[in-house]
Amino acid sequence: MGDRLIFDGEVLSELFAPLALGWKAHGAAELARTGDLVPLLKKQASGHEISGLAAYE
């Protein structure tokens, strides 16, 4: 894995846009989904750092 791994939270936000949630509900949904994703992403990264992911841990 020579490429830099980057987690882009803006892309995640775009996925929730069609739900038309208020900012509180949007934030809670995003954090809940990211909480589910973090262990999977870390496993996929095989110990490499994922830039931008620390904000969601």
PDB file of N, CA and C in Angstrom:
ATOM      1  N   MET A   1       0.841  -1.192   0.000  1.00  0.00           N
ATOM      2  CA  MET A   1       0.000   0.000   0.000  1.00  0.00           C
ATOM      3  C   MET A   1       0.875   1.240   0.000  1.00  0.00           C
ATOM      4  N   GLY A   2       1.226   1.719  -1.164  1.00  0.00           N
ATOM      5  CA  GLY A   2       2.062   2.885  -1.233  1.00  0.00           C
ATOM      6  C   GLY A   2       1.274   4.180  -1.243  1.00  0.00           C
ATOM      7  N   ASP A   3       0.021   4.103  -1.555  1.00  0.00           N
ATOM      8  CA  ASP A   3      -0.808   5.301  -1.638  1.00  0.00           C
ATOM      9  C   ASP A   3      -1.231   5.762  -0.253  1.00  0.00           C
ATOM     10  N   ARG A   4      -1.409   7.050  -0.126  1.00  0.00           N
ATOM     11  CA  ARG A   4      -1.865   7.636   1.133  1.00  0.00           C
ATOM     12  C   ARG A   4      -3.353   7.344   1.307  1.00  0.00           C
ATOM     13  N   LEU A   5      -3.727   6.931   2.506  1.00  0.00           N
ATOM     14  CA  LEU A   5      -5.121   6.634   2.802  1.00  0.00           C
ATOM     15  C   LEU A   5      -5.775   7.847   3.446  1.00  0.00           C
ATOM     16  N   ILE A   6      -6.884   8.282   2.864  1.00  0.00           N
ATOM     17  CA  ILE A   6      -7.569   9.485   3.345  1.00  0.00           C
ATOM     18  C   ILE A   6      -9.055   9.185   3.488  1.00  0.00           C
ATOM     19  N   PHE A   7      -9.607   9.533   4.649  1.00  0.00           N
ATOM     20  CA  PHE A   7     -11.046   9.425   4.870  1.00  0.00           C
ATOM     21  C   PHE A   7     -11.628  10.816   4.669  1.00  0.00           C
ATOM     22  N   ASP A   8     -12.528  10.960   3.724  1.00  0.00           N
ATOM     23  CA  ASP A   8     -13.125  12.255   3.402  1.00  0.00           C
ATOM     24  C   ASP A   8     -14.530  12.332   3.987  1.00  0.00           C
ATOM     25  N   GLY A   9     -14.666  13.036   5.088  1.00  0.00           N
ATOM     26  CA  GLY A   9     -15.955  13.182   5.757  1.00  0.00           C
ATOM     27  C   GLY A   9     -16.990  13.922   4.920  1.00  0.00           C
ATOM     28  N   GLU A  10     -16.535  14.754   3.988  1.00  0.00           N
ATOM     29  CA  GLU A  10     -17.463  15.482   3.116  1.00  0.00           C
ATOM     30  C   GLU A  10     -18.240  14.512   2.222  1.00  0.00           C
ATOM     31  N   VAL A  11     -17.568  13.484   1.761  1.00  0.00           N
ATOM     32  CA  VAL A  11     -18.243  12.489   0.924  1.00  0.00           C
ATOM     33  C   VAL A  11     -19.297  11.762   1.751  1.00  0.00           C
ATOM     34  N   LEU A  12     -18.975  11.459   2.983  1.00  0.00           N
ATOM     35  CA  LEU A  12     -19.937  10.819   3.872  1.00  0.00           C
ATOM     36  C   LEU A  12     -21.154  11.724   4.076  1.00  0.00           C
ATOM     37  N   SER A  13     -20.926  13.011   4.249  1.00  0.00           N
ATOM     38  CA  SER A  13     -22.028  13.960   4.420  1.00  0.00           C
ATOM     39  C   SER A  13     -22.941  13.970   3.201  1.00  0.00           C
ATOM     40  N   GLU A  14     -22.343  13.862   2.022  1.00  0.00           N
ATOM     41  CA  GLU A  14     -23.129  13.852   0.784  1.00  0.00           C
ATOM     42  C   GLU A  14     -24.064  12.644   0.726  1.00  0.00           C
ATOM     43  N   LEU A  15     -23.652  11.537   1.322  1.00  0.00           N
ATOM     44  CA  LEU A  15     -24.498  10.344   1.326  1.00  0.00           C
ATOM     45  C   LEU A  15     -25.774  10.547   2.145  1.00  0.00           C
ATOM     46  N   PHE A  16     -25.699  11.404   3.166  1.00  0.00           N
ATOM     47  CA  PHE A  16     -26.851  11.661   4.020  1.00  0.00           C
ATOM     48  C   PHE A  16     -27.747  12.785   3.499  1.00  0.00           C
ATOM     49  N   ALA A  17     -27.297  13.529   2.520  1.00  0.00           N
ATOM     50  CA  ALA A  17     -28.049  14.669   1.994  1.00  0.00           C
ATOM     51  C   ALA A  17     -29.464  14.300   1.543  1.00  0.00           C
ATOM     52  N   PRO A  18     -29.663  13.201   0.826  1.00  0.00           N
ATOM     53  CA  PRO A  18     -31.032  12.880   0.386  1.00  0.00           C
ATOM     54  C   PRO A  18     -32.020  12.624   1.526  1.00  0.00           C
ATOM     55  N   LEU A  19     -31.518  12.380   2.724  1.00  0.00           N
ATOM     56  CA  LEU A  19     -32.402  12.122   3.854  1.00  0.00           C
ATOM     57  C   LEU A  19     -33.018  13.394   4.420  1.00  0.00           C
ATOM     58  N   ALA A  20     -32.483  14.544   4.034  1.00  0.00           N
ATOM     59  CA  ALA A  20     -32.979  15.852   4.480  1.00  0.00           C
ATOM     60  C   ALA A  20     -33.115  15.928   5.998  1.00  0.00           C
ATOM     61  N   LEU A  21     -32.080  15.517   6.703  1.00  0.00           N
ATOM     62  CA  LEU A  21     -32.072  15.559   8.166  1.00  0.00           C
ATOM     63  C   LEU A  21     -31.667  16.936   8.647  1.00  0.00           C
ATOM     64  N   GLY A  22     -32.134  17.309   9.825  1.00  0.00           N
ATOM     65  CA  GLY A  22     -31.655  18.534  10.465  1.00  0.00           C
ATOM     66  C   GLY A  22     -30.201  18.336  10.864  1.00  0.00           C
ATOM     67  N   TRP A  23     -29.527  19.421  11.244  1.00  0.00           N
ATOM     68  CA  TRP A  23     -28.098  19.307  11.530  1.00  0.00           C
ATOM     69  C   TRP A  23     -27.799  18.379  12.695  1.00  0.00           C
ATOM     70  N   LYS A  24     -28.649  18.366  13.730  1.00  0.00           N
ATOM     71  CA  LYS A  24     -28.419  17.471  14.874  1.00  0.00           C
ATOM     72  C   LYS A  24     -28.598  16.014  14.469  1.00  0.00           C
ATOM     73  N   ALA A  25     -29.672  15.710  13.775  1.00  0.00           N
ATOM     74  CA  ALA A  25     -29.936  14.337  13.333  1.00  0.00           C
ATOM     75  C   ALA A  25     -28.895  13.887  12.316  1.00  0.00           C
ATOM     76  N   HIS A  26     -28.496  14.805  11.447  1.00  0.00           N
ATOM     77  CA  HIS A  26     -27.465  14.486  10.456  1.00  0.00           C
ATOM     78  C   HIS A  26     -26.150  14.132  11.150  1.00  0.00           C
ATOM     79  N   GLY A  27     -25.757  14.954  12.119  1.00  0.00           N
ATOM     80  CA  GLY A  27     -24.520  14.705  12.859  1.00  0.00           C
ATOM     81  C   GLY A  27     -24.555  13.393  13.621  1.00  0.00           C
ATOM     82  N   ALA A  28     -25.677  13.118  14.255  1.00  0.00           N
ATOM     83  CA  ALA A  28     -25.809  11.871  15.010  1.00  0.00           C
ATOM     84  C   ALA A  28     -25.761  10.660  14.075  1.00  0.00           C
ATOM     85  N   ALA A  29     -26.429  10.750  12.942  1.00  0.00           N
ATOM     86  CA  ALA A  29     -26.431   9.642  11.980  1.00  0.00           C
ATOM     87  C   ALA A  29     -25.040   9.424  11.402  1.00  0.00           C
ATOM     88  N   GLU A  30     -24.353  10.514  11.101  1.00  0.00           N
ATOM     89  CA  GLU A  30     -23.002  10.424  10.545  1.00  0.00           C
ATOM     90  C   GLU A  30     -22.043   9.787  11.553  1.00  0.00           C
ATOM     91  N   LEU A  31     -22.110  10.218  12.812  1.00  0.00           N
ATOM     92  CA  LEU A  31     -21.244   9.638  13.841  1.00  0.00           C
ATOM     93  C   LEU A  31     -21.545   8.163  14.080  1.00  0.00           C
ATOM     94  N   ALA A  32     -22.823   7.807  14.079  1.00  0.00           N
ATOM     95  CA  ALA A  32     -23.196   6.411  14.281  1.00  0.00           C
ATOM     96  C   ALA A  32     -22.683   5.543  13.142  1.00  0.00           C
ATOM     97  N   ARG A  33     -22.855   6.001  11.923  1.00  0.00           N
ATOM     98  CA  ARG A  33     -22.407   5.218  10.770  1.00  0.00           C
ATOM     99  C   ARG A  33     -20.889   5.127  10.743  1.00  0.00           C
ATOM    100  N   THR A  34     -20.208   6.229  11.046  1.00  0.00           N
ATOM    101  CA  THR A  34     -18.755   6.222  11.059  1.00  0.00           C
ATOM    102  C   THR A  34     -18.240   5.305  12.154  1.00  0.00           C
ATOM    103  N   GLY A  35     -18.937   5.265  13.292  1.00  0.00           N
ATOM    104  CA  GLY A  35     -18.556   4.349  14.362  1.00  0.00           C
ATOM    105  C   GLY A  35     -18.596   2.908  13.908  1.00  0.00           C
ATOM    106  N   ASP A  36     -19.546   2.593  13.040  1.00  0.00           N
ATOM    107  CA  ASP A  36     -19.620   1.245  12.469  1.00  0.00           C
ATOM    108  C   ASP A  36     -18.500   1.004  11.463  1.00  0.00           C
ATOM    109  N   LEU A  37     -18.107   2.049  10.744  1.00  0.00           N
ATOM    110  CA  LEU A  37     -17.122   1.914   9.674  1.00  0.00           C
ATOM    111  C   LEU A  37     -15.673   1.888  10.146  1.00  0.00           C
ATOM    112  N   VAL A  38     -15.361   2.593  11.234  1.00  0.00           N
ATOM    113  CA  VAL A  38     -13.971   2.738  11.679  1.00  0.00           C
ATOM    114  C   VAL A  38     -13.258   1.389  11.826  1.00  0.00           C
ATOM    115  N   PRO A  39     -13.815   0.414  12.545  1.00  0.00           N
ATOM    116  CA  PRO A  39     -13.097  -0.869  12.667  1.00  0.00           C
ATOM    117  C   PRO A  39     -12.880  -1.551  11.317  1.00  0.00           C
ATOM    118  N   LEU A  40     -13.844  -1.454  10.429  1.00  0.00           N
ATOM    119  CA  LEU A  40     -13.710  -2.065   9.103  1.00  0.00           C
ATOM    120  C   LEU A  40     -12.642  -1.363   8.268  1.00  0.00           C
ATOM    121  N   LEU A  41     -12.626  -0.046   8.340  1.00  0.00           N
ATOM    122  CA  LEU A  41     -11.631   0.708   7.582  1.00  0.00           C
ATOM    123  C   LEU A  41     -10.218   0.434   8.095  1.00  0.00           C
ATOM    124  N   LYS A  42     -10.068   0.375   9.418  1.00  0.00           N
ATOM    125  CA  LYS A  42      -8.746   0.090   9.995  1.00  0.00           C
ATOM    126  C   LYS A  42      -8.269  -1.305   9.607  1.00  0.00           C
ATOM    127  N   LYS A  43      -9.174  -2.258   9.607  1.00  0.00           N
ATOM    128  CA  LYS A  43      -8.810  -3.615   9.205  1.00  0.00           C
ATOM    129  C   LYS A  43      -8.377  -3.632   7.739  1.00  0.00           C
ATOM    130  N   GLN A  44      -9.110  -2.932   6.904  1.00  0.00           N
ATOM    131  CA  GLN A  44      -8.796  -2.855   5.480  1.00  0.00           C
ATOM    132  C   GLN A  44      -7.448  -2.169   5.257  1.00  0.00           C
ATOM    133  N   ALA A  45      -7.106  -1.207   6.107  1.00  0.00           N
ATOM    134  CA  ALA A  45      -5.858  -0.450   5.964  1.00  0.00           C
ATOM    135  C   ALA A  45      -4.645  -1.225   6.462  1.00  0.00           C
ATOM    136  N   SER A  46      -4.861  -2.352   7.087  1.00  0.00           N
ATOM    137  CA  SER A  46      -3.769  -3.223   7.563  1.00  0.00           C
ATOM    138  C   SER A  46      -2.739  -2.481   8.400  1.00  0.00           C
ATOM    139  N   GLY A  47      -3.217  -1.652   9.327  1.00  0.00           N
ATOM    140  CA  GLY A  47      -2.311  -0.963  10.236  1.00  0.00           C
ATOM    141  C   GLY A  47      -1.780   0.360   9.730  1.00  0.00           C
ATOM    142  N   HIS A  48      -2.017   0.704   8.480  1.00  0.00           N
ATOM    143  CA  HIS A  48      -1.586   2.000   7.955  1.00  0.00           C
ATOM    144  C   HIS A  48      -2.498   3.093   8.490  1.00  0.00           C
ATOM    145  N   GLU A  49      -1.928   4.280   8.650  1.00  0.00           N
ATOM    146  CA  GLU A  49      -2.719   5.419   9.125  1.00  0.00           C
ATOM    147  C   GLU A  49      -3.701   5.865   8.052  1.00  0.00           C
ATOM    148  N   ILE A  50      -4.905   6.234   8.478  1.00  0.00           N
ATOM    149  CA  ILE A  50      -5.903   6.781   7.574  1.00  0.00           C
ATOM    150  C   ILE A  50      -6.101   8.237   7.971  1.00  0.00           C
ATOM    151  N   SER A  51      -5.612   9.130   7.153  1.00  0.00           N
ATOM    152  CA  SER A  51      -5.715  10.555   7.426  1.00  0.00           C
ATOM    153  C   SER A  51      -7.172  10.994   7.439  1.00  0.00           C
ATOM    154  N   GLY A  52      -7.546  11.794   8.438  1.00  0.00           N
ATOM    155  CA  GLY A  52      -8.904  12.312   8.531  1.00  0.00           C
ATOM    156  C   GLY A  52      -9.844  11.451   9.353  1.00  0.00           C
ATOM    157  N   LEU A  53      -9.440  10.243   9.690  1.00  0.00           N
ATOM    158  CA  LEU A  53     -10.321   9.347  10.414  1.00  0.00           C
ATOM    159  C   LEU A  53     -10.343   9.639  11.914  1.00  0.00           C
ATOM    160  N   ALA A  54      -9.280  10.226  12.434  1.00  0.00           N
ATOM    161  CA  ALA A  54      -9.179  10.506  13.861  1.00  0.00           C
ATOM    162  C   ALA A  54     -10.317  11.407  14.361  1.00  0.00           C
ATOM    163  N   ALA A  55     -10.852  12.242  13.491  1.00  0.00           N
ATOM    164  CA  ALA A  55     -11.943  13.141  13.881  1.00  0.00           C
ATOM    165  C   ALA A  55     -13.203  12.369  14.236  1.00  0.00           C
ATOM    166  N   TYR A  56     -13.309  11.127  13.780  1.00  0.00           N
ATOM    167  CA  TYR A  56     -14.508  10.337  14.006  1.00  0.00           C
ATOM    168  C   TYR A  56     -14.322   9.245  15.065  1.00  0.00           C
ATOM    169  N   GLU A  57     -13.140   9.182  15.638  1.00  0.00           N
ATOM    170  CA  GLU A  57     -12.871   8.142  16.653  1.00  0.00           C
ATOM    171  C   GLU A  57     -13.218   8.632  18.032  1.00  0.00           C
TER     172      GLU A  57
END
